[in-house]
Protein backbone atom coordinates (compact mmCIF):
# COMPACT_ATOMS: atom_id res chain seq x y z
CA ASP A 1 21.14 7.00 2.02
CA ALA A 2 17.84 7.81 3.73
CA THR A 3 16.47 10.05 0.74
CA PRO A 4 13.67 7.15 -0.03
CA LYS A 5 13.73 4.95 -3.44
CA PHE A 6 10.62 4.57 -5.79
CA SER A 7 10.51 1.52 -7.98
CA ASN A 8 8.37 0.32 -10.55
CA GLU A 9 10.33 -2.57 -11.52
CA VAL A 10 9.41 -6.06 -10.35
CA GLY A 11 12.04 -6.76 -7.90
CA SER A 12 12.84 -3.71 -6.93
CA GLY A 13 11.18 -4.01 -3.34
CA CYS A 14 10.59 -0.25 -3.88
CA SER A 15 7.38 1.31 -3.74
CA SER A 16 5.51 3.28 -6.56
CA LEU A 17 4.49 7.02 -6.86
CA GLY A 18 0.39 7.34 -8.09
CA ARG A 19 -2.25 7.67 -8.32
CA TYR A 20 -2.88 3.40 -7.28
CA VAL A 21 -6.88 1.86 -6.29
CA MET A 22 -8.27 -0.53 -4.59
CA VAL A 23 -9.04 -4.44 -6.41
CA GLY A 24 -9.75 -6.65 -4.19
CA LYS A 25 -8.93 -8.53 -1.03
CA GLY A 26 -4.87 -9.91 -0.91
CA SER A 27 -4.46 -13.15 -0.12
CA LYS A 28 -1.18 -12.93 1.20
CA PHE A 29 -2.61 -11.21 4.30
CA LYS A 30 -5.55 -12.07 6.44
CA LYS A 31 -6.54 -8.55 5.97
CA SER A 32 -5.09 -6.44 3.53
CA ILE A 33 -5.51 -4.72 0.35
CA ARG A 34 -4.43 -5.37 -3.04
CA LEU A 35 -3.88 -2.88 -5.18
CA ARG A 36 -3.84 -1.64 -9.12
CA GLY A 37 -1.37 1.22 -10.95
CA LEU A 38 -3.40 4.46 -12.06
CA ASP A 39 -0.79 6.08 -13.54
CA LYS A 40 3.04 4.47 -16.02
CA THR A 41 5.15 5.57 -11.99
CA ASN A 42 2.67 2.86 -10.60
CA CYS A 43 1.34 0.05 -13.92
CA LEU A 44 2.68 -2.88 -12.08
CA ALA A 45 1.93 -2.95 -9.16
CA GLU A 46 -0.94 -5.66 -9.63
CA THR A 47 1.49 -7.44 -10.88
CA ARG A 48 4.72 -7.23 -8.21
CA GLY A 49 1.26 -8.13 -5.69
CA ILE A 50 1.46 -4.52 -4.34
CA LEU A 51 -1.13 -4.66 -0.91
CA ILE A 52 -1.88 -2.25 2.16
CA HIS A 53 -1.01 -4.67 5.52
CA SER A 54 -0.76 -4.06 8.33
CA ALA A 55 2.42 -4.48 9.88
CA GLY A 56 3.83 -4.87 13.56
CA LYS A 57 6.98 -2.62 13.69
CA VAL A 58 4.39 0.23 12.42
CA THR A 59 1.80 -0.52 14.64
CA ARG A 60 4.80 -0.99 17.77
CA PHE A 61 5.79 2.47 16.71
CA SER A 62 4.39 5.34 19.19
CA GLY A 63 3.53 7.98 17.43
CA ASP A 64 0.76 10.11 15.84
CA ARG A 65 1.76 8.84 11.71
CA GLU A 66 0.23 6.13 10.31
CA TYR A 67 2.17 4.80 7.94
CA ILE A 68 6.05 4.80 8.44
CA PRO A 69 8.27 3.66 5.56
CA ILE A 70 10.55 0.40 6.84
CA GLY A 71 12.40 -0.37 4.05
CA SER A 72 13.05 -4.10 1.89
CA GLU A 73 10.74 -5.25 4.79
CA SER A 74 7.47 -4.25 2.83
CA ARG A 75 8.90 -4.87 -0.87
CA GLY A 76 6.86 -2.34 -1.82
CA CYS A 77 3.87 -2.33 -0.01
CA PHE A 78 1.84 0.06 1.94
CA THR A 79 2.39 -0.92 4.49
CA VAL A 80 0.42 0.86 7.94
CA SER A 81 -1.52 -0.07 11.95
CA ARG A 82 -3.49 -2.30 12.73
CA ASP A 83 -6.86 0.07 13.35
CA CYS A 84 -5.33 1.73 9.53
CA VAL A 85 -5.42 -1.31 8.09
CA THR A 86 -8.64 -2.40 9.79
CA LYS A 87 -10.43 1.22 8.88
CA VAL A 88 -9.02 0.60 4.50
CA MET A 89 -11.02 -2.55 4.95
CA GLU A 90 -13.97 -1.06 5.72
CA ILE A 91 -13.44 1.73 2.70
CA TYR A 92 -13.01 -1.44 0.82
CA ARG A 93 -16.23 -2.92 2.00
CA GLY A 94 -17.92 0.58 1.38
CA ALA A 95 -16.65 0.81 -2.54
CA SER A 96 -18.28 -0.75 -5.42
CA LYS A 97 -17.34 -1.60 -8.96
CA HIS A 98 -19.16 1.66 -10.20
CA ARG A 99 -17.50 4.06 -7.14
CA PRO A 100 -14.44 2.54 -6.64
CA VAL A 101 -11.35 3.64 -3.57
CA MET A 102 -8.68 5.49 -5.10
CA ILE A 103 -5.83 5.76 -3.27
CA PHE A 104 -3.00 8.64 -3.90
CA ALA A 105 0.96 8.26 -2.99
CA LYS A 106 2.98 11.48 -3.53
CA TYR A 107 6.81 11.70 -1.38
CA LYS A 108 7.11 15.55 0.16
């Protein structure tokens, strides 16, 4: 079944939909941003260790999109190209506690 699955459950390996705020640099990947979910659909994102980080498969993708789902390999994280994660890091560095960066994940 090609229909994407979304979940907020710990151990689901799925991404969650809803509003997020960038809360810091991730520690698992050199260039990554930790996310905090702001909705019931993603409130466990920080506990689950959900990040925005790059993935080789996305970087090698020869299309015009910056993001492609890569299934269970992402473990719920938002995987982007190396260039895109560099842009995300720049945006995060320009943010402040009083003006955080919000992200909205939706499907269709």
